[in-house]
N, C-alpha and C. Protein backbone atom coordinates (compact mmCIF):
# COMPACT_ATOMS: atom_id res chain seq x y z
N MET A 1 -2.99 24.72 12.60
CA MET A 1 -1.81 24.13 11.97
C MET A 1 -0.94 25.25 11.40
N ASN A 2 0.35 25.20 11.70
CA ASN A 2 1.22 26.29 11.25
C ASN A 2 1.64 26.12 9.79
N GLU A 3 2.20 27.19 9.24
CA GLU A 3 2.56 27.22 7.81
C GLU A 3 3.62 26.19 7.44
N TYR A 4 4.49 25.83 8.37
CA TYR A 4 5.56 24.87 8.08
C TYR A 4 4.97 23.47 7.89
N ILE A 5 4.01 23.13 8.72
CA ILE A 5 3.34 21.83 8.57
C ILE A 5 2.48 21.83 7.31
N LYS A 6 1.77 22.94 7.09
CA LYS A 6 0.91 23.04 5.89
C LYS A 6 1.72 22.85 4.62
N ALA A 7 2.94 23.39 4.62
CA ALA A 7 3.79 23.29 3.43
C ALA A 7 4.14 21.83 3.11
N LYS A 8 4.18 20.98 4.13
CA LYS A 8 4.56 19.58 3.93
C LYS A 8 3.36 18.63 4.08
N GLU A 9 2.17 19.18 4.21
CA GLU A 9 0.97 18.37 4.41
C GLU A 9 0.77 17.36 3.27
N ALA A 10 1.05 17.79 2.05
CA ALA A 10 0.90 16.89 0.89
C ALA A 10 1.86 15.71 0.98
N GLU A 11 3.05 15.96 1.53
CA GLU A 11 4.02 14.86 1.68
C GLU A 11 3.54 13.84 2.70
N PHE A 12 2.94 14.33 3.81
CA PHE A 12 2.38 13.40 4.79
C PHE A 12 1.30 12.54 4.13
N LYS A 13 0.41 13.20 3.37
CA LYS A 13 -0.69 12.48 2.71
C LYS A 13 -0.14 11.47 1.71
N LYS A 14 0.87 11.87 0.95
CA LYS A 14 1.47 10.98 -0.05
C LYS A 14 2.08 9.75 0.62
N THR A 15 2.68 9.95 1.78
CA THR A 15 3.29 8.85 2.52
C THR A 15 2.23 7.86 3.00
N ILE A 16 1.13 8.38 3.53
CA ILE A 16 0.03 7.52 3.98
C ILE A 16 -0.56 6.76 2.79
N ASP A 17 -0.78 7.47 1.68
CA ASP A 17 -1.32 6.83 0.47
C ASP A 17 -0.39 5.74 -0.04
N PHE A 18 0.91 5.99 0.01
CA PHE A 18 1.90 4.99 -0.40
C PHE A 18 1.76 3.74 0.46
N PHE A 19 1.61 3.92 1.77
CA PHE A 19 1.47 2.78 2.68
C PHE A 19 0.21 1.98 2.35
N ILE A 20 -0.87 2.69 2.10
CA ILE A 20 -2.13 2.01 1.75
C ILE A 20 -1.94 1.18 0.49
N LYS A 21 -1.29 1.78 -0.51
CA LYS A 21 -1.03 1.07 -1.77
C LYS A 21 -0.15 -0.16 -1.55
N GLU A 22 0.84 -0.02 -0.68
CA GLU A 22 1.76 -1.12 -0.39
C GLU A 22 1.04 -2.28 0.29
N ILE A 23 0.18 -1.99 1.25
CA ILE A 23 -0.43 -3.08 2.02
C ILE A 23 -1.62 -3.71 1.33
N VAL A 24 -2.18 -3.01 0.35
CA VAL A 24 -3.34 -3.58 -0.36
C VAL A 24 -2.93 -4.85 -1.10
N GLY A 25 -1.66 -4.93 -1.49
CA GLY A 25 -1.18 -6.10 -2.22
C GLY A 25 -0.86 -7.29 -1.33
N ILE A 26 -0.78 -7.07 -0.01
CA ILE A 26 -0.51 -8.19 0.89
C ILE A 26 -1.79 -9.00 1.01
N ARG A 27 -1.69 -10.27 0.67
CA ARG A 27 -2.90 -11.06 0.65
C ARG A 27 -3.36 -11.46 2.04
N THR A 28 -4.66 -11.61 2.15
CA THR A 28 -5.24 -12.11 3.38
C THR A 28 -5.70 -13.53 3.07
N GLY A 29 -6.43 -14.15 3.94
CA GLY A 29 -6.88 -15.51 3.71
C GLY A 29 -7.99 -15.61 2.69
N ARG A 30 -8.51 -14.48 2.26
CA ARG A 30 -9.64 -14.47 1.32
C ARG A 30 -9.22 -13.92 -0.04
N ALA A 31 -9.95 -14.36 -1.05
CA ALA A 31 -9.71 -13.83 -2.40
C ALA A 31 -10.12 -12.36 -2.42
N ASN A 32 -9.31 -11.55 -3.07
CA ASN A 32 -9.56 -10.12 -3.12
C ASN A 32 -9.03 -9.59 -4.45
N PRO A 33 -9.84 -8.88 -5.23
CA PRO A 33 -9.36 -8.39 -6.53
C PRO A 33 -8.16 -7.44 -6.40
N ASN A 34 -7.98 -6.83 -5.23
CA ASN A 34 -6.83 -5.93 -5.04
C ASN A 34 -5.50 -6.67 -5.09
N MET A 35 -5.54 -7.99 -4.95
CA MET A 35 -4.31 -8.78 -5.05
C MET A 35 -3.66 -8.60 -6.42
N LEU A 36 -4.46 -8.29 -7.41
CA LEU A 36 -3.96 -8.15 -8.78
C LEU A 36 -3.59 -6.70 -9.13
N GLU A 37 -3.64 -5.83 -8.14
CA GLU A 37 -3.42 -4.40 -8.34
C GLU A 37 -2.16 -4.06 -9.14
N GLY A 38 -1.03 -4.66 -8.83
CA GLY A 38 0.21 -4.28 -9.50
C GLY A 38 0.58 -5.13 -10.71
N VAL A 39 -0.30 -6.04 -11.12
CA VAL A 39 0.01 -6.95 -12.23
C VAL A 39 -0.07 -6.20 -13.56
N GLN A 40 1.03 -6.26 -14.32
CA GLN A 40 1.10 -5.62 -15.63
C GLN A 40 1.17 -6.70 -16.72
N VAL A 41 0.31 -6.58 -17.71
CA VAL A 41 0.23 -7.57 -18.78
C VAL A 41 0.87 -7.00 -20.04
N ASP A 42 1.71 -7.81 -20.70
CA ASP A 42 2.29 -7.43 -21.99
C ASP A 42 1.24 -7.67 -23.06
N ALA A 43 0.47 -6.66 -23.39
CA ALA A 43 -0.60 -6.82 -24.37
C ALA A 43 -0.50 -5.72 -25.42
N TYR A 44 -0.62 -6.11 -26.65
CA TYR A 44 -0.61 -5.17 -27.78
C TYR A 44 0.66 -4.32 -27.80
N GLY A 45 1.77 -4.92 -27.40
CA GLY A 45 3.06 -4.23 -27.47
C GLY A 45 3.33 -3.25 -26.35
N ALA A 46 2.52 -3.26 -25.30
CA ALA A 46 2.74 -2.34 -24.18
C ALA A 46 2.34 -3.01 -22.87
N LYS A 47 2.95 -2.56 -21.79
CA LYS A 47 2.58 -3.04 -20.46
C LYS A 47 1.27 -2.35 -20.06
N THR A 48 0.28 -3.16 -19.73
CA THR A 48 -1.04 -2.64 -19.38
C THR A 48 -1.47 -3.24 -18.05
N PRO A 49 -2.07 -2.44 -17.16
CA PRO A 49 -2.59 -3.03 -15.93
C PRO A 49 -3.62 -4.10 -16.27
N ILE A 50 -3.67 -5.14 -15.47
CA ILE A 50 -4.57 -6.27 -15.75
C ILE A 50 -6.02 -5.80 -15.84
N GLN A 51 -6.39 -4.78 -15.06
CA GLN A 51 -7.75 -4.27 -15.10
C GLN A 51 -8.09 -3.65 -16.46
N GLY A 52 -7.06 -3.32 -17.24
CA GLY A 52 -7.28 -2.73 -18.56
C GLY A 52 -7.51 -3.75 -19.65
N VAL A 53 -7.28 -5.05 -19.37
CA VAL A 53 -7.45 -6.06 -20.41
C VAL A 53 -8.42 -7.17 -20.01
N ALA A 54 -8.94 -7.10 -18.77
CA ALA A 54 -9.81 -8.18 -18.31
C ALA A 54 -10.74 -7.71 -17.20
N ALA A 55 -11.85 -8.43 -17.08
CA ALA A 55 -12.77 -8.21 -15.96
C ALA A 55 -12.33 -9.13 -14.82
N ILE A 56 -12.39 -8.64 -13.61
CA ILE A 56 -11.97 -9.43 -12.45
C ILE A 56 -13.16 -9.61 -11.52
N ASN A 57 -13.48 -10.87 -11.24
CA ASN A 57 -14.61 -11.18 -10.37
C ASN A 57 -14.15 -12.09 -9.24
N VAL A 58 -14.86 -12.02 -8.12
CA VAL A 58 -14.58 -12.90 -6.98
C VAL A 58 -15.86 -13.70 -6.71
N PRO A 59 -15.95 -14.92 -7.31
CA PRO A 59 -17.18 -15.71 -7.14
C PRO A 59 -17.35 -16.27 -5.72
N ASP A 60 -16.24 -16.52 -5.03
CA ASP A 60 -16.31 -16.99 -3.65
C ASP A 60 -15.05 -16.54 -2.91
N GLY A 61 -14.94 -16.87 -1.66
CA GLY A 61 -13.83 -16.41 -0.84
C GLY A 61 -12.48 -17.01 -1.18
N GLN A 62 -12.45 -18.07 -2.00
CA GLN A 62 -11.18 -18.74 -2.28
C GLN A 62 -10.74 -18.64 -3.73
N SER A 63 -11.51 -17.99 -4.60
CA SER A 63 -11.08 -17.91 -5.99
C SER A 63 -11.40 -16.56 -6.62
N ILE A 64 -10.63 -16.27 -7.66
CA ILE A 64 -10.81 -15.04 -8.45
C ILE A 64 -10.90 -15.47 -9.90
N LEU A 65 -11.86 -14.90 -10.63
CA LEU A 65 -11.97 -15.17 -12.06
C LEU A 65 -11.49 -13.95 -12.83
N VAL A 66 -10.59 -14.18 -13.77
CA VAL A 66 -10.10 -13.12 -14.64
C VAL A 66 -10.59 -13.46 -16.03
N VAL A 67 -11.49 -12.62 -16.55
CA VAL A 67 -12.09 -12.88 -17.86
C VAL A 67 -11.56 -11.83 -18.86
N PRO A 68 -10.65 -12.26 -19.76
CA PRO A 68 -10.09 -11.32 -20.74
C PRO A 68 -11.18 -10.80 -21.69
N TRP A 69 -11.08 -9.52 -22.03
CA TRP A 69 -12.02 -8.96 -23.00
C TRP A 69 -11.67 -9.44 -24.40
N ASP A 70 -10.39 -9.70 -24.64
CA ASP A 70 -9.93 -10.24 -25.91
C ASP A 70 -9.25 -11.58 -25.59
N LYS A 71 -9.82 -12.66 -26.09
CA LYS A 71 -9.31 -14.01 -25.77
C LYS A 71 -7.86 -14.20 -26.24
N ASN A 72 -7.41 -13.40 -27.20
CA ASN A 72 -6.05 -13.53 -27.72
C ASN A 72 -4.97 -13.16 -26.70
N VAL A 73 -5.32 -12.41 -25.67
CA VAL A 73 -4.32 -12.02 -24.67
C VAL A 73 -4.39 -12.91 -23.42
N SER A 74 -5.16 -13.96 -23.51
CA SER A 74 -5.33 -14.87 -22.37
C SER A 74 -3.99 -15.42 -21.87
N LYS A 75 -3.14 -15.86 -22.79
CA LYS A 75 -1.83 -16.42 -22.42
C LYS A 75 -0.95 -15.37 -21.74
N GLU A 76 -0.98 -14.13 -22.26
CA GLU A 76 -0.17 -13.06 -21.68
C GLU A 76 -0.65 -12.73 -20.27
N ILE A 77 -1.97 -12.75 -20.06
CA ILE A 77 -2.53 -12.49 -18.72
C ILE A 77 -2.07 -13.58 -17.76
N GLU A 78 -2.18 -14.83 -18.21
CA GLU A 78 -1.76 -15.95 -17.37
C GLU A 78 -0.28 -15.81 -17.00
N LYS A 79 0.56 -15.47 -17.98
CA LYS A 79 2.00 -15.31 -17.74
C LYS A 79 2.26 -14.18 -16.74
N ALA A 80 1.56 -13.07 -16.90
CA ALA A 80 1.75 -11.92 -16.00
C ALA A 80 1.37 -12.28 -14.56
N ILE A 81 0.30 -13.05 -14.39
CA ILE A 81 -0.13 -13.44 -13.05
C ILE A 81 0.90 -14.39 -12.43
N VAL A 82 1.36 -15.36 -13.21
CA VAL A 82 2.37 -16.31 -12.71
C VAL A 82 3.65 -15.55 -12.35
N ASP A 83 4.07 -14.63 -13.22
CA ASP A 83 5.30 -13.86 -12.98
C ASP A 83 5.19 -12.95 -11.75
N ALA A 84 3.97 -12.53 -11.41
CA ALA A 84 3.76 -11.65 -10.26
C ALA A 84 3.99 -12.39 -8.94
N ASN A 85 4.03 -13.71 -8.99
CA ASN A 85 4.33 -14.52 -7.81
C ASN A 85 3.43 -14.15 -6.63
N LEU A 86 2.13 -14.28 -6.84
CA LEU A 86 1.15 -13.89 -5.82
C LEU A 86 0.85 -15.00 -4.82
N GLY A 87 1.39 -16.19 -5.06
CA GLY A 87 1.13 -17.30 -4.16
C GLY A 87 -0.26 -17.89 -4.35
N VAL A 88 -0.76 -17.81 -5.58
CA VAL A 88 -2.08 -18.37 -5.89
C VAL A 88 -1.93 -19.41 -6.99
N GLY A 89 -2.89 -20.35 -7.03
CA GLY A 89 -2.90 -21.33 -8.12
C GLY A 89 -3.52 -20.68 -9.35
N VAL A 90 -2.94 -20.90 -10.52
CA VAL A 90 -3.42 -20.28 -11.75
C VAL A 90 -3.82 -21.37 -12.73
N VAL A 91 -5.10 -21.34 -13.19
CA VAL A 91 -5.58 -22.32 -14.16
C VAL A 91 -6.22 -21.57 -15.32
N ASN A 92 -5.67 -21.76 -16.53
CA ASN A 92 -6.24 -21.14 -17.72
C ASN A 92 -7.32 -22.06 -18.27
N GLU A 93 -8.57 -21.61 -18.22
CA GLU A 93 -9.69 -22.42 -18.69
C GLU A 93 -10.11 -22.03 -20.11
N GLY A 94 -9.22 -21.39 -20.84
CA GLY A 94 -9.50 -20.99 -22.22
C GLY A 94 -10.13 -19.61 -22.29
N ASP A 95 -11.41 -19.51 -21.90
CA ASP A 95 -12.10 -18.22 -21.97
C ASP A 95 -11.93 -17.40 -20.69
N LYS A 96 -11.41 -18.03 -19.64
CA LYS A 96 -11.18 -17.31 -18.39
C LYS A 96 -10.01 -17.95 -17.64
N ILE A 97 -9.47 -17.19 -16.71
CA ILE A 97 -8.37 -17.69 -15.89
C ILE A 97 -8.86 -17.71 -14.45
N ARG A 98 -8.73 -18.86 -13.83
CA ARG A 98 -9.19 -19.01 -12.45
C ARG A 98 -7.97 -19.00 -11.53
N LEU A 99 -8.01 -18.15 -10.52
CA LEU A 99 -6.96 -18.09 -9.52
C LEU A 99 -7.53 -18.69 -8.23
N THR A 100 -6.81 -19.63 -7.66
CA THR A 100 -7.25 -20.25 -6.43
C THR A 100 -6.34 -19.77 -5.30
N VAL A 101 -6.96 -19.17 -4.30
CA VAL A 101 -6.21 -18.67 -3.16
C VAL A 101 -6.13 -19.79 -2.13
N PRO A 102 -4.94 -20.30 -1.88
CA PRO A 102 -4.82 -21.41 -0.92
C PRO A 102 -5.09 -20.93 0.51
N LYS A 103 -5.55 -21.87 1.32
CA LYS A 103 -5.75 -21.56 2.74
C LYS A 103 -4.38 -21.23 3.32
N MET A 104 -4.36 -20.25 4.18
CA MET A 104 -3.08 -19.84 4.77
C MET A 104 -2.85 -20.56 6.09
N THR A 105 -1.61 -20.95 6.28
CA THR A 105 -1.23 -21.58 7.54
C THR A 105 -0.89 -20.47 8.54
N GLU A 106 -0.77 -20.84 9.79
CA GLU A 106 -0.39 -19.88 10.83
C GLU A 106 0.97 -19.28 10.50
N GLU A 107 1.87 -20.11 9.98
CA GLU A 107 3.21 -19.65 9.63
C GLU A 107 3.16 -18.60 8.51
N ASN A 108 2.31 -18.87 7.47
CA ASN A 108 2.14 -17.90 6.38
C ASN A 108 1.65 -16.57 6.92
N ARG A 109 0.66 -16.65 7.79
CA ARG A 109 0.06 -15.43 8.34
C ARG A 109 1.10 -14.61 9.11
N LYS A 110 1.90 -15.30 9.93
CA LYS A 110 2.91 -14.60 10.71
C LYS A 110 3.96 -13.97 9.80
N GLU A 111 4.30 -14.66 8.72
CA GLU A 111 5.27 -14.13 7.76
C GLU A 111 4.71 -12.86 7.09
N LEU A 112 3.43 -12.88 6.75
CA LEU A 112 2.81 -11.70 6.13
C LEU A 112 2.74 -10.53 7.11
N VAL A 113 2.48 -10.82 8.38
CA VAL A 113 2.45 -9.76 9.39
C VAL A 113 3.85 -9.15 9.53
N LYS A 114 4.86 -10.00 9.45
CA LYS A 114 6.24 -9.52 9.51
C LYS A 114 6.53 -8.57 8.33
N LYS A 115 6.07 -8.97 7.15
CA LYS A 115 6.24 -8.14 5.95
C LYS A 115 5.49 -6.81 6.12
N LEU A 116 4.30 -6.90 6.69
CA LEU A 116 3.48 -5.71 6.95
C LEU A 116 4.22 -4.75 7.88
N ASN A 117 4.82 -5.30 8.94
CA ASN A 117 5.57 -4.47 9.89
C ASN A 117 6.79 -3.82 9.25
N GLU A 118 7.44 -4.54 8.32
CA GLU A 118 8.59 -3.96 7.61
C GLU A 118 8.15 -2.77 6.76
N LYS A 119 7.01 -2.93 6.08
CA LYS A 119 6.48 -1.82 5.26
C LYS A 119 6.12 -0.63 6.14
N LEU A 120 5.54 -0.92 7.31
CA LEU A 120 5.17 0.14 8.25
C LEU A 120 6.42 0.90 8.69
N GLU A 121 7.48 0.19 9.02
CA GLU A 121 8.70 0.85 9.49
C GLU A 121 9.30 1.72 8.40
N THR A 122 9.25 1.26 7.15
CA THR A 122 9.76 2.06 6.03
C THR A 122 9.00 3.39 5.93
N VAL A 123 7.70 3.31 6.09
CA VAL A 123 6.87 4.52 5.99
C VAL A 123 7.10 5.43 7.20
N ARG A 124 7.28 4.83 8.36
CA ARG A 124 7.55 5.64 9.56
C ARG A 124 8.85 6.42 9.41
N VAL A 125 9.84 5.81 8.77
CA VAL A 125 11.10 6.51 8.51
C VAL A 125 10.82 7.73 7.63
N SER A 126 9.96 7.57 6.64
CA SER A 126 9.60 8.71 5.77
C SER A 126 8.92 9.81 6.58
N ILE A 127 8.02 9.42 7.47
CA ILE A 127 7.33 10.41 8.32
C ILE A 127 8.36 11.15 9.19
N ARG A 128 9.30 10.41 9.76
CA ARG A 128 10.34 11.05 10.60
C ARG A 128 11.18 12.02 9.77
N GLN A 129 11.46 11.65 8.52
CA GLN A 129 12.26 12.52 7.65
C GLN A 129 11.51 13.82 7.35
N ILE A 130 10.21 13.70 7.08
CA ILE A 130 9.40 14.90 6.83
C ILE A 130 9.41 15.78 8.08
N ARG A 131 9.26 15.13 9.26
CA ARG A 131 9.28 15.86 10.53
C ARG A 131 10.60 16.62 10.69
N GLU A 132 11.70 15.95 10.40
CA GLU A 132 13.02 16.58 10.54
C GLU A 132 13.16 17.78 9.58
N ASP A 133 12.63 17.63 8.37
CA ASP A 133 12.68 18.74 7.40
C ASP A 133 11.92 19.95 7.92
N ILE A 134 10.72 19.70 8.47
CA ILE A 134 9.90 20.79 9.00
C ILE A 134 10.59 21.43 10.20
N LYS A 135 11.12 20.59 11.09
CA LYS A 135 11.78 21.11 12.29
C LYS A 135 12.98 21.98 11.90
N ALA A 136 13.74 21.53 10.91
CA ALA A 136 14.90 22.32 10.44
C ALA A 136 14.44 23.67 9.89
N ALA A 137 13.33 23.68 9.16
CA ALA A 137 12.81 24.94 8.60
C ALA A 137 12.37 25.88 9.72
N ILE A 138 11.74 25.33 10.76
CA ILE A 138 11.30 26.15 11.90
C ILE A 138 12.52 26.74 12.62
N GLU A 139 13.53 25.90 12.86
CA GLU A 139 14.72 26.37 13.56
C GLU A 139 15.48 27.42 12.74
N LYS A 140 15.50 27.23 11.44
CA LYS A 140 16.16 28.20 10.57
C LYS A 140 15.42 29.54 10.61
N ALA A 141 14.08 29.46 10.59
CA ALA A 141 13.28 30.69 10.63
C ALA A 141 13.54 31.45 11.94
N GLU A 142 13.67 30.71 13.04
CA GLU A 142 13.94 31.36 14.34
C GLU A 142 15.34 31.97 14.34
N LYS A 143 16.29 31.24 13.78
CA LYS A 143 17.68 31.72 13.71
C LYS A 143 17.78 32.99 12.85
N ASP A 144 16.98 33.02 11.76
CA ASP A 144 16.97 34.18 10.86
C ASP A 144 16.06 35.30 11.38
N LYS A 145 15.55 35.14 12.60
CA LYS A 145 14.69 36.15 13.25
C LYS A 145 13.36 36.37 12.53
N GLN A 146 12.89 35.35 11.80
CA GLN A 146 11.58 35.45 11.14
C GLN A 146 10.46 35.11 12.11
N ILE A 147 10.78 34.28 13.11
CA ILE A 147 9.80 33.95 14.14
C ILE A 147 10.49 34.07 15.50
N THR A 148 9.67 34.20 16.55
CA THR A 148 10.23 34.31 17.90
C THR A 148 10.55 32.92 18.45
N GLU A 149 11.28 32.91 19.57
CA GLU A 149 11.61 31.64 20.20
C GLU A 149 10.34 30.95 20.69
N ASP A 150 9.39 31.73 21.21
CA ASP A 150 8.11 31.17 21.66
C ASP A 150 7.37 30.51 20.49
N ASP A 151 7.38 31.19 19.34
CA ASP A 151 6.74 30.62 18.14
C ASP A 151 7.41 29.31 17.76
N LYS A 152 8.74 29.29 17.84
CA LYS A 152 9.49 28.08 17.49
C LYS A 152 9.01 26.90 18.34
N PHE A 153 8.95 27.12 19.66
CA PHE A 153 8.54 26.01 20.54
C PHE A 153 7.08 25.61 20.29
N ARG A 154 6.23 26.61 20.03
CA ARG A 154 4.82 26.31 19.74
C ARG A 154 4.71 25.51 18.43
N PHE A 155 5.44 25.94 17.41
CA PHE A 155 5.41 25.24 16.11
C PHE A 155 5.94 23.81 16.23
N ILE A 156 7.00 23.65 17.00
CA ILE A 156 7.57 22.30 17.18
C ILE A 156 6.59 21.40 17.94
N LYS A 157 5.89 21.98 18.91
CA LYS A 157 4.87 21.20 19.64
C LYS A 157 3.76 20.77 18.68
N GLU A 158 3.31 21.71 17.83
CA GLU A 158 2.30 21.37 16.82
C GLU A 158 2.82 20.28 15.88
N LEU A 159 4.08 20.39 15.51
CA LEU A 159 4.70 19.40 14.62
C LEU A 159 4.71 18.02 15.28
N ASP A 160 5.08 17.98 16.56
CA ASP A 160 5.09 16.70 17.28
C ASP A 160 3.68 16.11 17.35
N ASP A 161 2.68 16.96 17.59
CA ASP A 161 1.29 16.49 17.63
C ASP A 161 0.87 15.92 16.28
N GLU A 162 1.25 16.62 15.21
CA GLU A 162 0.92 16.16 13.85
C GLU A 162 1.61 14.84 13.54
N THR A 163 2.86 14.71 13.95
CA THR A 163 3.61 13.48 13.72
C THR A 163 2.96 12.31 14.45
N VAL A 164 2.54 12.55 15.68
CA VAL A 164 1.85 11.51 16.45
C VAL A 164 0.56 11.12 15.74
N LYS A 165 -0.17 12.11 15.24
CA LYS A 165 -1.42 11.85 14.52
C LYS A 165 -1.17 10.99 13.28
N GLN A 166 -0.14 11.32 12.52
CA GLN A 166 0.19 10.56 11.31
C GLN A 166 0.57 9.13 11.66
N ASN A 167 1.38 8.96 12.70
CA ASN A 167 1.79 7.62 13.12
C ASN A 167 0.61 6.81 13.64
N GLU A 168 -0.34 7.47 14.30
CA GLU A 168 -1.55 6.78 14.77
C GLU A 168 -2.35 6.25 13.58
N GLU A 169 -2.47 7.10 12.54
CA GLU A 169 -3.21 6.68 11.35
C GLU A 169 -2.54 5.46 10.71
N LEU A 170 -1.21 5.50 10.62
CA LEU A 170 -0.47 4.36 10.07
C LEU A 170 -0.70 3.11 10.91
N LYS A 171 -0.65 3.27 12.22
CA LYS A 171 -0.83 2.14 13.13
C LYS A 171 -2.23 1.55 12.97
N ASN A 172 -3.24 2.41 12.84
CA ASN A 172 -4.61 1.92 12.66
C ASN A 172 -4.75 1.14 11.36
N LEU A 173 -4.14 1.64 10.29
CA LEU A 173 -4.17 0.92 9.01
C LEU A 173 -3.48 -0.43 9.14
N ARG A 174 -2.34 -0.43 9.82
CA ARG A 174 -1.58 -1.66 10.02
C ARG A 174 -2.37 -2.66 10.85
N ASP A 175 -2.99 -2.19 11.94
CA ASP A 175 -3.77 -3.08 12.81
C ASP A 175 -4.94 -3.70 12.06
N LYS A 176 -5.60 -2.91 11.23
CA LYS A 176 -6.73 -3.42 10.45
C LYS A 176 -6.27 -4.50 9.48
N LYS A 177 -5.14 -4.25 8.82
CA LYS A 177 -4.61 -5.23 7.87
C LYS A 177 -4.16 -6.49 8.60
N GLU A 178 -3.52 -6.33 9.77
CA GLU A 178 -3.10 -7.51 10.53
C GLU A 178 -4.32 -8.35 10.93
N GLU A 179 -5.38 -7.67 11.32
CA GLU A 179 -6.61 -8.39 11.68
C GLU A 179 -7.14 -9.17 10.48
N ASP A 180 -7.11 -8.55 9.29
CA ASP A 180 -7.54 -9.25 8.07
C ASP A 180 -6.67 -10.47 7.78
N ILE A 181 -5.37 -10.32 7.98
CA ILE A 181 -4.43 -11.42 7.70
C ILE A 181 -4.64 -12.56 8.68
N MET A 182 -4.80 -12.24 9.95
CA MET A 182 -4.88 -13.28 10.99
C MET A 182 -6.26 -13.92 11.10
N THR A 183 -7.29 -13.32 10.48
CA THR A 183 -8.63 -13.90 10.54
C THR A 183 -8.70 -15.13 9.63
N ILE A 184 -9.17 -16.21 10.19
CA ILE A 184 -9.24 -17.46 9.42
C ILE A 184 -10.59 -17.57 8.76
């Protein structure tokens, strides 16, 4: 791997991590504690991740139990979950909050796959932008006589191979998530 790709390697990784974070919130037909990943609760005068104020359990494939460590924040947790618009039923049972994940219809599943593909395209645009930045740096180095023309073509070939590799990884993540969404 050449120095130009190495210099941007962290950006590639950050982009892949961003995609993983984005798709973890897309619900599948099963209850999953990751659905609550981005939920922020107004507790004790500050926004706190739900994992910081409650235990989250999945007793079966269709429900999630959120058990507050402090019963006084139960209402705030319930409000945060409802406001997050996760598409789940929310029932406050006093000492715990039960989330019911409804069965998904074929139409819901297709809509989620569409959303997944939109997120994938956004990330692919980021990958292309990183590629363009690296390619510009390589071409500038050749123009400034820091590298030879042969090096330029070799580096660009390596860059194209790396870009293909990154896009393959994204596609594999997307395919796995689509399989999870479409599985009944």
